[in-house]
Amino acid sequence: MERKAIGAAALEVGAVGLGCMPMSWAYTGSRQRGEESLRTVHAALDRGCSLLDTADMYGPFTNELLLGRVLKERRADAFVSTKVGLLVGEQHIVANGRPGYVRRACDASLRRLQTDVIDLYQLHRADPEVPVEETWGAMGELVSAGKVRSLGLCAVGARAARRGGRAGLHAGTIRQLDRIQQVFPVSSVMAELSVWSTEALETLLPWCAARGVGFLAAMPLGNGFLSGTLTPGQGFEPDDLRARHPRFTAEMMAANQPVVAGLRRVAARHGADVTPAQVALAWVLAQGPNVVPVPGAKHERWAVENAAAAGLVLTDADLAEIAGLPAALGSWD
């Protein structure tokens, strides 16, 4: 698999990553497939998907513990990305960006992951009660201490989005990036980017490209919708985040089928074995040399399919057809 450089430190990762969240968090059955999840991680690594993306809050903690079982055997094959800054309470999730907490959380993640260094440590969300420069400074100290190799920022939270829509979300992230870049270099930015969510192309991706910062594309398959494996009205269990997502009502899933139909048409031109999911990932890869899609997967077959997308090159006609697809309907958040 082609490899890509992340940030000024030029840390290399496979062109397609593996999002590990679905193995322990946010989707139906996430807590019931430990052995299958291990096979999924191994299959991804076998095919060059070296970037394993997790967070201490996924589970909470169980996702890092799961990866630790793999890393104990295959640390040299993996690029480990985990996150800090969010705590899971009994009824809600809260941010914690206090420097002391960041240091303790890093040590705890290292223990769970069974490694002595984290390749990419991402700030999951900024704490509104703590200046982001203080949080980022503490994270930078972890690099100096040899516990972390590079730092990344995830897009700011839903509150900014409610104030100004997706434009407000990205404008807030840009302001944070400009501030923390003065404290310690930013190696990556993680934000949603997919065929049905393209707003990052307007400001976030250009900011990263101009500075040599890696862009980790979260939800490149639109929470599974762009894979073409979901059917309108199928329903989701209460513990599945899509049960509360406006784009996953039966009405909106039916209305957005033309997007999947377009991906199927492109896939058919590349061969009977090419899937809409692979086309969707290839589209993300085509957005720039610094872009790494990080599709989530909890089954081995999906990890294998996603990895194969790294070898799919879309033509100008393919990209034009995808650009001409109807905009996705329904609120994004």
C-alpha atoms as a PDB file:
ATOM      1  CA  MET A   1       0.000   0.000   0.000  1.00  0.00           C
ATOM      2  CA  GLU A   2       1.153   3.527  -0.759  1.00  0.00           C
ATOM      3  CA  ARG A   3       2.362   5.420   2.275  1.00  0.00           C
ATOM      4  CA  LYS A   4       1.718   9.054   3.145  1.00  0.00           C
ATOM      5  CA  ALA A   5       3.572  11.524   5.360  1.00  0.00           C
ATOM      6  CA  ILE A   6       1.841  13.053   8.377  1.00  0.00           C
ATOM      7  CA  GLY A   7       2.971  16.540   9.395  1.00  0.00           C
ATOM      8  CA  ALA A   8       6.321  18.279   9.494  1.00  0.00           C
ATOM      9  CA  ALA A   9       7.925  15.267  11.149  1.00  0.00           C
ATOM     10  CA  ALA A  10       7.055  13.262   8.009  1.00  0.00           C
ATOM     11  CA  LEU A  11       5.776  10.287   9.975  1.00  0.00           C
ATOM     12  CA  GLU A  12       4.602   7.716   7.443  1.00  0.00           C
ATOM     13  CA  VAL A  13       1.297   5.844   7.461  1.00  0.00           C
ATOM     14  CA  GLY A  14      -0.582   3.651   5.028  1.00  0.00           C
ATOM     15  CA  ALA A  15      -2.811   5.563   2.607  1.00  0.00           C
ATOM     16  CA  VAL A  16      -5.945   4.142   4.297  1.00  0.00           C
ATOM     17  CA  GLY A  17      -6.258   3.936   8.070  1.00  0.00           C
ATOM     18  CA  LEU A  18      -8.478   1.929  10.405  1.00  0.00           C
ATOM     19  CA  GLY A  19     -10.970   3.638  12.702  1.00  0.00           C
ATOM     20  CA  CYS A  20     -11.315   1.389  15.742  1.00  0.00           C
ATOM     21  CA  MET A  21     -14.208   3.189  17.467  1.00  0.00           C
ATOM     22  CA  PRO A  22     -16.962   0.849  16.140  1.00  0.00           C
ATOM     23  CA  MET A  23     -15.319  -2.060  17.934  1.00  0.00           C
ATOM     24  CA  SER A  24     -16.149  -0.607  21.349  1.00  0.00           C
ATOM     25  CA  TRP A  25     -18.395   2.417  20.980  1.00  0.00           C
ATOM     26  CA  ALA A  26     -21.319   4.086  19.218  1.00  0.00           C
ATOM     27  CA  TYR A  27     -22.618   1.261  17.020  1.00  0.00           C
ATOM     28  CA  THR A  28     -24.931  -1.687  17.625  1.00  0.00           C
ATOM     29  CA  GLY A  29     -23.048  -4.708  18.903  1.00  0.00           C
ATOM     30  CA  SER A  30     -19.837  -2.757  19.478  1.00  0.00           C
ATOM     31  CA  ARG A  31     -19.167  -4.410  22.827  1.00  0.00           C
ATOM     32  CA  GLN A  32     -19.806  -7.995  21.738  1.00  0.00           C
ATOM     33  CA  ARG A  33     -17.092  -8.903  19.206  1.00  0.00           C
ATOM     34  CA  GLY A  34     -13.701  -8.960  20.892  1.00  0.00           C
ATOM     35  CA  GLU A  35     -12.165 -11.774  18.835  1.00  0.00           C
ATOM     36  CA  GLU A  36     -13.670 -10.501  15.595  1.00  0.00           C
ATOM     37  CA  SER A  37     -12.270  -7.052  16.370  1.00  0.00           C
ATOM     38  CA  LEU A  38      -8.800  -8.521  16.873  1.00  0.00           C
ATOM     39  CA  ARG A  39      -9.030 -10.265  13.502  1.00  0.00           C
ATOM     40  CA  THR A  40     -10.115  -6.981  11.957  1.00  0.00           C
ATOM     41  CA  VAL A  41      -7.069  -5.110  13.285  1.00  0.00           C
ATOM     42  CA  HIS A  42      -4.695  -7.853  12.171  1.00  0.00           C
ATOM     43  CA  ALA A  43      -6.267  -7.932   8.697  1.00  0.00           C
ATOM     44  CA  ALA A  44      -5.841  -4.162   8.352  1.00  0.00           C
ATOM     45  CA  LEU A  45      -2.197  -4.294   9.402  1.00  0.00           C
ATOM     46  CA  ASP A  46      -1.538  -7.216   7.058  1.00  0.00           C
ATOM     47  CA  ARG A  47      -2.671  -5.017   4.163  1.00  0.00           C
ATOM     48  CA  GLY A  48      -0.667  -1.936   5.112  1.00  0.00           C
ATOM     49  CA  CYS A  49      -3.346   0.031   6.966  1.00  0.00           C
ATOM     50  CA  SER A  50      -0.879   1.035   9.652  1.00  0.00           C
ATOM     51  CA  LEU A  51      -2.755   3.979  11.198  1.00  0.00           C
ATOM     52  CA  LEU A  52      -4.931   2.635  14.020  1.00  0.00           C
ATOM     53  CA  ASP A  53      -7.167   5.380  15.362  1.00  0.00           C
ATOM     54  CA  THR A  54      -8.633   5.073  18.856  1.00  0.00           C
ATOM     55  CA  ALA A  55      -9.381   7.213  21.938  1.00  0.00           C
ATOM     56  CA  ASP A  56      -9.444   6.714  25.678  1.00  0.00           C
ATOM     57  CA  MET A  57     -13.169   7.507  25.740  1.00  0.00           C
ATOM     58  CA  TYR A  58     -14.132   4.684  23.364  1.00  0.00           C
ATOM     59  CA  GLY A  59     -15.625   2.110  25.664  1.00  0.00           C
ATOM     60  CA  PRO A  60     -14.474   3.983  27.708  1.00  0.00           C
ATOM     61  CA  PHE A  61     -10.952   2.522  27.810  1.00  0.00           C
ATOM     62  CA  THR A  62     -11.837  -0.853  26.295  1.00  0.00           C
ATOM     63  CA  ASN A  63     -10.848   0.172  22.772  1.00  0.00           C
ATOM     64  CA  GLU A  64      -7.308   0.992  23.851  1.00  0.00           C
ATOM     65  CA  LEU A  65      -7.139  -2.259  25.817  1.00  0.00           C
ATOM     66  CA  LEU A  66      -8.196  -4.164  22.714  1.00  0.00           C
ATOM     67  CA  LEU A  67      -5.519  -2.522  20.593  1.00  0.00           C
ATOM     68  CA  GLY A  68      -2.961  -3.180  23.303  1.00  0.00           C
ATOM     69  CA  ARG A  69      -3.421  -6.910  22.719  1.00  0.00           C
ATOM     70  CA  VAL A  70      -2.455  -6.434  19.068  1.00  0.00           C
ATOM     71  CA  LEU A  71       0.340  -3.950  19.696  1.00  0.00           C
ATOM     72  CA  LYS A  72       1.993  -6.301  22.152  1.00  0.00           C
ATOM     73  CA  GLU A  73       2.708  -8.529  19.163  1.00  0.00           C
ATOM     74  CA  ARG A  74       2.867  -6.090  16.229  1.00  0.00           C
ATOM     75  CA  ARG A  75       3.991  -2.685  17.462  1.00  0.00           C
ATOM     76  CA  ALA A  76       6.430  -2.234  14.569  1.00  0.00           C
ATOM     77  CA  ASP A  77       3.590  -2.617  12.031  1.00  0.00           C
ATOM     78  CA  ALA A  78       1.338   0.018  13.572  1.00  0.00           C
ATOM     79  CA  PHE A  79       1.078   3.785  13.729  1.00  0.00           C
ATOM     80  CA  VAL A  80      -0.846   4.412  16.952  1.00  0.00           C
ATOM     81  CA  SER A  81      -3.208   7.370  17.153  1.00  0.00           C
ATOM     82  CA  THR A  82      -5.212   7.987  20.296  1.00  0.00           C
ATOM     83  CA  LYS A  83      -7.004  10.972  21.781  1.00  0.00           C
ATOM     84  CA  VAL A  84      -7.370  12.902  25.017  1.00  0.00           C
ATOM     85  CA  GLY A  85      -9.725  15.551  26.324  1.00  0.00           C
ATOM     86  CA  LEU A  86     -13.117  13.899  26.766  1.00  0.00           C
ATOM     87  CA  LEU A  87     -14.494  12.088  29.806  1.00  0.00           C
ATOM     88  CA  VAL A  88     -17.515   9.806  29.750  1.00  0.00           C
ATOM     89  CA  GLY A  89     -19.863  10.499  32.645  1.00  0.00           C
ATOM     90  CA  GLU A  90     -22.988   8.654  33.684  1.00  0.00           C
ATOM     91  CA  GLN A  91     -25.281  10.851  31.596  1.00  0.00           C
ATOM     92  CA  HIS A  92     -23.074  12.951  29.328  1.00  0.00           C
ATOM     93  CA  ILE A  93     -19.593  13.561  27.951  1.00  0.00           C
ATOM     94  CA  VAL A  94     -17.494  16.400  29.343  1.00  0.00           C
ATOM     95  CA  ALA A  95     -14.229  17.984  28.225  1.00  0.00           C
ATOM     96  CA  ASN A  96     -11.141  18.096  30.416  1.00  0.00           C
ATOM     97  CA  GLY A  97      -8.116  19.963  29.112  1.00  0.00           C
ATOM     98  CA  ARG A  98      -6.297  20.619  32.379  1.00  0.00           C
ATOM     99  CA  PRO A  99      -2.555  20.000  31.938  1.00  0.00           C
ATOM    100  CA  GLY A 100      -2.334  17.664  34.920  1.00  0.00           C
ATOM    101  CA  TYR A 101      -5.156  15.553  33.576  1.00  0.00           C
ATOM    102  CA  VAL A 102      -3.560  15.400  30.116  1.00  0.00           C
ATOM    103  CA  ARG A 103      -0.324  14.034  31.601  1.00  0.00           C
ATOM    104  CA  ARG A 104      -2.146  11.389  33.654  1.00  0.00           C
ATOM    105  CA  ALA A 105      -4.349  10.415  30.727  1.00  0.00           C
ATOM    106  CA  CYS A 106      -1.329   9.913  28.487  1.00  0.00           C
ATOM    107  CA  ASP A 107       0.329   7.602  31.002  1.00  0.00           C
ATOM    108  CA  ALA A 108      -2.889   5.622  31.327  1.00  0.00           C
ATOM    109  CA  SER A 109      -3.240   5.297  27.540  1.00  0.00           C
ATOM    110  CA  LEU A 110       0.348   4.075  27.258  1.00  0.00           C
ATOM    111  CA  ARG A 111      -0.379   1.347  29.813  1.00  0.00           C
ATOM    112  CA  ARG A 112      -3.563   0.224  28.106  1.00  0.00           C
ATOM    113  CA  LEU A 113      -1.956   0.252  24.670  1.00  0.00           C
ATOM    114  CA  GLN A 114       1.059  -1.686  25.970  1.00  0.00           C
ATOM    115  CA  THR A 115       3.513   0.640  24.274  1.00  0.00           C
ATOM    116  CA  ASP A 116       6.118   3.155  25.373  1.00  0.00           C
ATOM    117  CA  VAL A 117       5.220   5.836  22.820  1.00  0.00           C
ATOM    118  CA  ILE A 118       2.092   7.134  21.091  1.00  0.00           C
ATOM    119  CA  ASP A 119       2.727   8.065  17.462  1.00  0.00           C
ATOM    120  CA  LEU A 120      -0.048  10.671  17.241  1.00  0.00           C
ATOM    121  CA  TYR A 121      -1.766  12.175  20.277  1.00  0.00           C
ATOM    122  CA  GLN A 122      -4.898  14.083  19.333  1.00  0.00           C
ATOM    123  CA  LEU A 123      -6.860  16.650  21.310  1.00  0.00           C
ATOM    124  CA  HIS A 124     -10.354  15.246  21.058  1.00  0.00           C
ATOM    125  CA  ARG A 125     -12.101  18.472  22.074  1.00  0.00           C
ATOM    126  CA  ALA A 126     -10.899  21.711  23.614  1.00  0.00           C
ATOM    127  CA  ASP A 127     -12.066  22.384  27.161  1.00  0.00           C
ATOM    128  CA  PRO A 128     -14.012  25.690  27.253  1.00  0.00           C
ATOM    129  CA  GLU A 129     -12.792  26.215  30.835  1.00  0.00           C
ATOM    130  CA  VAL A 130      -9.087  25.912  29.946  1.00  0.00           C
ATOM    131  CA  PRO A 131      -7.186  28.007  27.379  1.00  0.00           C
ATOM    132  CA  VAL A 132      -6.434  25.654  24.522  1.00  0.00           C
ATOM    133  CA  GLU A 133      -2.824  26.864  24.517  1.00  0.00           C
ATOM    134  CA  GLU A 134      -2.376  25.436  28.025  1.00  0.00           C
ATOM    135  CA  THR A 135      -3.736  22.058  27.011  1.00  0.00           C
ATOM    136  CA  TRP A 136      -1.634  22.007  23.870  1.00  0.00           C
ATOM    137  CA  GLY A 137       1.455  23.067  25.797  1.00  0.00           C
ATOM    138  CA  ALA A 138       1.046  20.092  28.124  1.00  0.00           C
ATOM    139  CA  MET A 139       0.692  17.824  25.108  1.00  0.00           C
ATOM    140  CA  GLY A 140       3.853  19.319  23.636  1.00  0.00           C
ATOM    141  CA  GLU A 141       5.695  18.497  26.853  1.00  0.00           C
ATOM    142  CA  LEU A 142       4.754  14.861  26.299  1.00  0.00           C
ATOM    143  CA  VAL A 143       6.583  14.964  22.974  1.00  0.00           C
ATOM    144  CA  SER A 144       9.648  16.432  24.692  1.00  0.00           C
ATOM    145  CA  ALA A 145       9.434  13.657  27.280  1.00  0.00           C
ATOM    146  CA  GLY A 146       9.461  10.977  24.560  1.00  0.00           C
ATOM    147  CA  LYS A 147       5.985   9.664  25.371  1.00  0.00           C
ATOM    148  CA  VAL A 148       4.408  11.046  22.178  1.00  0.00           C
ATOM    149  CA  ARG A 149       5.838  11.542  18.697  1.00  0.00           C
ATOM    150  CA  SER A 150       3.414  14.098  17.207  1.00  0.00           C
ATOM    151  CA  LEU A 151       0.229  16.047  17.972  1.00  0.00           C
ATOM    152  CA  GLY A 152      -3.094  16.402  16.182  1.00  0.00           C
ATOM    153  CA  LEU A 153      -6.371  18.245  16.627  1.00  0.00           C
ATOM    154  CA  CYS A 154      -9.892  16.956  16.102  1.00  0.00           C
ATOM    155  CA  ALA A 155     -12.569  19.342  14.871  1.00  0.00           C
ATOM    156  CA  VAL A 156     -14.237  21.427  17.570  1.00  0.00           C
ATOM    157  CA  GLY A 157     -17.490  20.265  19.087  1.00  0.00           C
ATOM    158  CA  ALA A 158     -21.154  20.618  18.263  1.00  0.00           C
ATOM    159  CA  ARG A 159     -21.658  23.830  20.236  1.00  0.00           C
ATOM    160  CA  ALA A 160     -19.723  25.861  17.644  1.00  0.00           C
ATOM    161  CA  ALA A 161     -21.665  24.132  14.907  1.00  0.00           C
ATOM    162  CA  ARG A 162     -24.970  25.107  16.471  1.00  0.00           C
ATOM    163  CA  ARG A 163     -23.831  28.725  16.570  1.00  0.00           C
ATOM    164  CA  GLY A 164     -22.793  28.892  12.941  1.00  0.00           C
ATOM    165  CA  GLY A 165     -23.550  25.607  11.216  1.00  0.00           C
ATOM    166  CA  ARG A 166     -20.720  23.642   9.626  1.00  0.00           C
ATOM    167  CA  ALA A 167     -19.084  26.932   8.628  1.00  0.00           C
ATOM    168  CA  GLY A 168     -18.990  27.881  12.311  1.00  0.00           C
ATOM    169  CA  LEU A 169     -17.471  24.509  13.161  1.00  0.00           C
ATOM    170  CA  HIS A 170     -14.621  24.903  10.703  1.00  0.00           C
ATOM    171  CA  ALA A 171     -14.029  28.579  11.448  1.00  0.00           C
ATOM    172  CA  GLY A 172     -13.654  27.693  15.120  1.00  0.00           C
ATOM    173  CA  THR A 173     -11.177  24.958  14.270  1.00  0.00           C
ATOM    174  CA  ILE A 174      -9.094  27.314  12.123  1.00  0.00           C
ATOM    175  CA  ARG A 175      -8.904  29.810  14.983  1.00  0.00           C
ATOM    176  CA  GLN A 176      -7.763  27.063  17.344  1.00  0.00           C
ATOM    177  CA  LEU A 177      -5.192  25.844  14.846  1.00  0.00           C
ATOM    178  CA  ASP A 178      -3.707  29.286  14.379  1.00  0.00           C
ATOM    179  CA  ARG A 179      -3.359  29.666  18.143  1.00  0.00           C
ATOM    180  CA  ILE A 180      -1.877  26.301  19.004  1.00  0.00           C
ATOM    181  CA  GLN A 181       0.470  26.260  16.030  1.00  0.00           C
ATOM    182  CA  GLN A 182       2.366  29.022  17.839  1.00  0.00           C
ATOM    183  CA  VAL A 183       2.814  26.750  20.877  1.00  0.00           C
ATOM    184  CA  PHE A 184       3.789  23.436  19.253  1.00  0.00           C
ATOM    185  CA  PRO A 185       3.595  22.178  15.648  1.00  0.00           C
ATOM    186  CA  VAL A 186       0.342  20.615  14.502  1.00  0.00           C
ATOM    187  CA  SER A 187       0.964  17.372  12.632  1.00  0.00           C
ATOM    188  CA  SER A 188      -2.612  16.488  11.725  1.00  0.00           C
ATOM    189  CA  VAL A 189      -6.206  17.637  11.715  1.00  0.00           C
ATOM    190  CA  MET A 190      -9.067  15.154  11.894  1.00  0.00           C
ATOM    191  CA  ALA A 191     -12.488  16.163  10.608  1.00  0.00           C
ATOM    192  CA  GLU A 192     -15.364  14.656   8.681  1.00  0.00           C
ATOM    193  CA  LEU A 193     -14.863  14.405   4.924  1.00  0.00           C
ATOM    194  CA  SER A 194     -16.846  12.251   2.531  1.00  0.00           C
ATOM    195  CA  VAL A 195     -18.817  12.350  -0.693  1.00  0.00           C
ATOM    196  CA  TRP A 196     -21.865  13.492   1.270  1.00  0.00           C
ATOM    197  CA  SER A 197     -19.994  15.845   3.622  1.00  0.00           C
ATOM    198  CA  THR A 198     -17.564  18.039   1.676  1.00  0.00           C
ATOM    199  CA  GLU A 199     -17.377  21.226   3.766  1.00  0.00           C
ATOM    200  CA  ALA A 200     -13.812  20.534   4.915  1.00  0.00           C
ATOM    201  CA  LEU A 201     -12.656  21.184   1.345  1.00  0.00           C
ATOM    202  CA  GLU A 202     -13.480  24.871   1.751  1.00  0.00           C
ATOM    203  CA  THR A 203     -11.173  25.876   4.612  1.00  0.00           C
ATOM    204  CA  LEU A 204      -9.746  23.044   6.715  1.00  0.00           C
ATOM    205  CA  LEU A 205      -8.093  21.080   3.946  1.00  0.00           C
ATOM    206  CA  PRO A 206      -6.515  24.165   2.318  1.00  0.00           C
ATOM    207  CA  TRP A 207      -5.163  25.241   5.737  1.00  0.00           C
ATOM    208  CA  CYS A 208      -3.536  21.829   6.163  1.00  0.00           C
ATOM    209  CA  ALA A 209      -2.191  21.645   2.614  1.00  0.00           C
ATOM    210  CA  ALA A 210      -0.549  25.063   2.880  1.00  0.00           C
ATOM    211  CA  ARG A 211       1.325  24.023   6.038  1.00  0.00           C
ATOM    212  CA  GLY A 212       2.235  20.428   5.298  1.00  0.00           C
ATOM    213  CA  VAL A 213      -0.239  19.174   7.901  1.00  0.00           C
ATOM    214  CA  GLY A 214      -1.854  15.775   7.463  1.00  0.00           C
ATOM    215  CA  PHE A 215      -5.640  15.596   7.125  1.00  0.00           C
ATOM    216  CA  LEU A 216      -7.321  12.541   8.650  1.00  0.00           C
ATOM    217  CA  ALA A 217     -10.730  12.121   7.052  1.00  0.00           C
ATOM    218  CA  ALA A 218     -13.197  10.940   9.676  1.00  0.00           C
ATOM    219  CA  MET A 219     -16.404   9.167   8.646  1.00  0.00           C
ATOM    220  CA  PRO A 220     -15.322   8.838   4.987  1.00  0.00           C
ATOM    221  CA  LEU A 221     -18.139   6.328   4.446  1.00  0.00           C
ATOM    222  CA  GLY A 222     -20.822   8.537   5.987  1.00  0.00           C
ATOM    223  CA  ASN A 223     -21.333   6.276   9.019  1.00  0.00           C
ATOM    224  CA  GLY A 224     -21.805   3.365   6.643  1.00  0.00           C
ATOM    225  CA  PHE A 225     -24.398   4.925   4.353  1.00  0.00           C
ATOM    226  CA  LEU A 226     -22.020   5.333   1.400  1.00  0.00           C
ATOM    227  CA  SER A 227     -21.174   1.628   1.497  1.00  0.00           C
ATOM    228  CA  GLY A 228     -24.588   0.884   0.023  1.00  0.00           C
ATOM    229  CA  THR A 229     -25.194  -1.847   2.586  1.00  0.00           C
ATOM    230  CA  LEU A 230     -27.898   0.001   4.537  1.00  0.00           C
ATOM    231  CA  THR A 231     -31.544   0.060   3.524  1.00  0.00           C
ATOM    232  CA  PRO A 232     -34.120   2.783   4.252  1.00  0.00           C
ATOM    233  CA  GLY A 233     -36.287   1.938   7.213  1.00  0.00           C
ATOM    234  CA  GLN A 234     -34.064  -0.839   8.526  1.00  0.00           C
ATOM    235  CA  GLY A 235     -33.903   0.790  11.956  1.00  0.00           C
ATOM    236  CA  PHE A 236     -31.057   0.984  14.456  1.00  0.00           C
ATOM    237  CA  GLU A 237     -30.720  -0.161  18.037  1.00  0.00           C
ATOM    238  CA  PRO A 238     -30.930   2.580  20.715  1.00  0.00           C
ATOM    239  CA  ASP A 239     -27.180   2.339  21.435  1.00  0.00           C
ATOM    240  CA  ASP A 240     -26.341   3.046  17.792  1.00  0.00           C
ATOM    241  CA  LEU A 241     -25.512   6.721  17.142  1.00  0.00           C
ATOM    242  CA  ARG A 242     -27.381   6.546  13.823  1.00  0.00           C
ATOM    243  CA  ALA A 243     -30.656   5.997  15.688  1.00  0.00           C
ATOM    244  CA  ARG A 244     -30.540   9.701  16.600  1.00  0.00           C
ATOM    245  CA  HIS A 245     -28.919  11.041  13.417  1.00  0.00           C
ATOM    246  CA  PRO A 246     -31.301  13.030  11.175  1.00  0.00           C
ATOM    247  CA  ARG A 247     -29.762  11.600   8.005  1.00  0.00           C
ATOM    248  CA  PHE A 248     -30.614   8.080   9.092  1.00  0.00           C
ATOM    249  CA  THR A 249     -34.366   8.384   9.323  1.00  0.00           C
ATOM    250  CA  ALA A 250     -36.161   6.171   6.822  1.00  0.00           C
ATOM    251  CA  GLU A 251     -37.252   9.258   4.876  1.00  0.00           C
ATOM    252  CA  MET A 252     -33.764  10.754   4.578  1.00  0.00           C
ATOM    253  CA  MET A 253     -32.113   7.428   3.787  1.00  0.00           C
ATOM    254  CA  ALA A 254     -34.558   6.971   0.936  1.00  0.00           C
ATOM    255  CA  ALA A 255     -34.040  10.539  -0.269  1.00  0.00           C
ATOM    256  CA  ASN A 256     -30.261  10.104  -0.359  1.00  0.00           C
ATOM    257  CA  GLN A 257     -30.230   6.864  -2.361  1.00  0.00           C
ATOM    258  CA  PRO A 258     -29.213   8.752  -5.553  1.00  0.00           C
ATOM    259  CA  VAL A 259     -25.832   9.400  -3.917  1.00  0.00           C
ATOM    260  CA  VAL A 260     -25.232   5.679  -3.444  1.00  0.00           C
ATOM    261  CA  ALA A 261     -26.579   4.967  -6.949  1.00  0.00           C
ATOM    262  CA  GLY A 262     -23.954   7.315  -8.375  1.00  0.00           C
ATOM    263  CA  LEU A 263     -21.184   5.539  -6.489  1.00  0.00           C
ATOM    264  CA  ARG A 264     -22.472   2.207  -7.805  1.00  0.00           C
ATOM    265  CA  ARG A 265     -22.306   3.481 -11.398  1.00  0.00           C
ATOM    266  CA  VAL A 266     -18.692   4.554 -10.949  1.00  0.00           C
ATOM    267  CA  ALA A 267     -17.815   1.259  -9.260  1.00  0.00           C
ATOM    268  CA  ALA A 268     -19.322  -0.743 -12.125  1.00  0.00           C
ATOM    269  CA  ARG A 269     -16.964   0.930 -14.603  1.00  0.00           C
ATOM    270  CA  HIS A 270     -13.968  -0.348 -12.629  1.00  0.00           C
ATOM    271  CA  GLY A 271     -15.043  -3.977 -12.375  1.00  0.00           C
ATOM    272  CA  ALA A 272     -17.602  -6.260 -10.840  1.00  0.00           C
ATOM    273  CA  ASP A 273     -15.654  -6.573  -7.594  1.00  0.00           C
ATOM    274  CA  VAL A 274     -15.381  -2.825  -6.952  1.00  0.00           C
ATOM    275  CA  THR A 275     -17.832  -1.542  -4.342  1.00  0.00           C
ATOM    276  CA  PRO A 276     -19.454   1.840  -3.636  1.00  0.00           C
ATOM    277  CA  ALA A 277     -17.461   1.993  -0.392  1.00  0.00           C
ATOM    278  CA  GLN A 278     -14.194   1.671  -2.285  1.00  0.00           C
ATOM    279  CA  VAL A 279     -15.231   4.438  -4.683  1.00  0.00           C
ATOM    280  CA  ALA A 280     -16.145   6.669  -1.737  1.00  0.00           C
ATOM    281  CA  LEU A 281     -12.725   6.081  -0.155  1.00  0.00           C
ATOM    282  CA  ALA A 282     -10.908   6.586  -3.459  1.00  0.00           C
ATOM    283  CA  TRP A 283     -12.699   9.934  -3.798  1.00  0.00           C
ATOM    284  CA  VAL A 284     -11.367  10.988  -0.382  1.00  0.00           C
ATOM    285  CA  LEU A 285      -7.856   9.904  -1.354  1.00  0.00           C
ATOM    286  CA  ALA A 286      -8.127  11.999  -4.518  1.00  0.00           C
ATOM    287  CA  GLN A 287      -8.609  15.188  -2.493  1.00  0.00           C
ATOM    288  CA  GLY A 288      -4.907  15.603  -1.794  1.00  0.00           C
ATOM    289  CA  PRO A 289      -1.596  13.869  -1.088  1.00  0.00           C
ATOM    290  CA  ASN A 290      -1.897  14.738   2.608  1.00  0.00           C
ATOM    291  CA  VAL A 291      -5.368  13.158   3.011  1.00  0.00           C
ATOM    292  CA  VAL A 292      -5.754   9.809   4.790  1.00  0.00           C
ATOM    293  CA  PRO A 293      -9.271   8.353   5.080  1.00  0.00           C
ATOM    294  CA  VAL A 294      -9.886   6.588   8.392  1.00  0.00           C
ATOM    295  CA  PRO A 295     -12.951   4.376   7.859  1.00  0.00           C
ATOM    296  CA  GLY A 296     -14.293   2.617  10.897  1.00  0.00           C
ATOM    297  CA  ALA A 297     -14.700  -1.151  10.785  1.00  0.00           C
ATOM    298  CA  LYS A 298     -15.512  -3.898  13.251  1.00  0.00           C
ATOM    299  CA  HIS A 299     -15.563  -6.828  10.805  1.00  0.00           C
ATOM    300  CA  GLU A 300     -12.572  -8.302   9.007  1.00  0.00           C
ATOM    301  CA  ARG A 301     -14.278  -8.303   5.605  1.00  0.00           C
ATOM    302  CA  TRP A 302     -14.891  -4.548   5.750  1.00  0.00           C
ATOM    303  CA  ALA A 303     -11.294  -3.838   6.739  1.00  0.00           C
ATOM    304  CA  VAL A 304     -10.061  -5.903   3.786  1.00  0.00           C
ATOM    305  CA  GLU A 305     -12.454  -4.160   1.397  1.00  0.00           C
ATOM    306  CA  ASN A 306     -11.486  -0.712   2.666  1.00  0.00           C
ATOM    307  CA  ALA A 307      -7.772  -1.430   2.335  1.00  0.00           C
ATOM    308  CA  ALA A 308      -8.229  -2.369  -1.326  1.00  0.00           C
ATOM    309  CA  ALA A 309      -9.543   1.135  -2.037  1.00  0.00           C
ATOM    310  CA  ALA A 310      -5.960   2.400  -1.832  1.00  0.00           C
ATOM    311  CA  GLY A 311      -5.337   0.806  -5.225  1.00  0.00           C
ATOM    312  CA  LEU A 312      -8.395   2.301  -6.947  1.00  0.00           C
ATOM    313  CA  VAL A 313      -7.607   5.354  -9.074  1.00  0.00           C
ATOM    314  CA  LEU A 314     -10.619   7.374 -10.187  1.00  0.00           C
ATOM    315  CA  THR A 315     -10.615   8.978 -13.619  1.00  0.00           C
ATOM    316  CA  ASP A 316     -11.464  12.606 -14.323  1.00  0.00           C
ATOM    317  CA  ALA A 317     -14.827  11.381 -15.625  1.00  0.00           C
ATOM    318  CA  ASP A 318     -15.428   9.494 -12.362  1.00  0.00           C
ATOM    319  CA  LEU A 319     -14.619  12.555 -10.275  1.00  0.00           C
ATOM    320  CA  ALA A 320     -16.844  14.733 -12.462  1.00  0.00           C
ATOM    321  CA  GLU A 321     -19.751  12.326 -12.056  1.00  0.00           C
ATOM    322  CA  ILE A 322     -19.315  12.245  -8.289  1.00  0.00           C
ATOM    323  CA  ALA A 323     -19.110  16.055  -8.204  1.00  0.00           C
ATOM    324  CA  GLY A 324     -22.419  16.178 -10.069  1.00  0.00           C
ATOM    325  CA  LEU A 325     -24.295  13.960  -7.608  1.00  0.00           C
ATOM    326  CA  PRO A 326     -27.127  15.643  -5.710  1.00  0.00           C
ATOM    327  CA  ALA A 327     -26.232  17.182  -2.385  1.00  0.00           C
ATOM    328  CA  ALA A 328     -27.117  15.010   0.586  1.00  0.00           C
ATOM    329  CA  LEU A 329     -30.397  15.866   2.268  1.00  0.00           C
ATOM    330  CA  GLY A 330     -30.978  16.086   5.997  1.00  0.00           C
ATOM    331  CA  SER A 331     -29.215  17.819   8.842  1.00  0.00           C
ATOM    332  CA  TRP A 332     -25.605  16.682   9.327  1.00  0.00           C
ATOM    333  CA  ASP A 333     -25.667  16.832  13.144  1.00  0.00           C
END
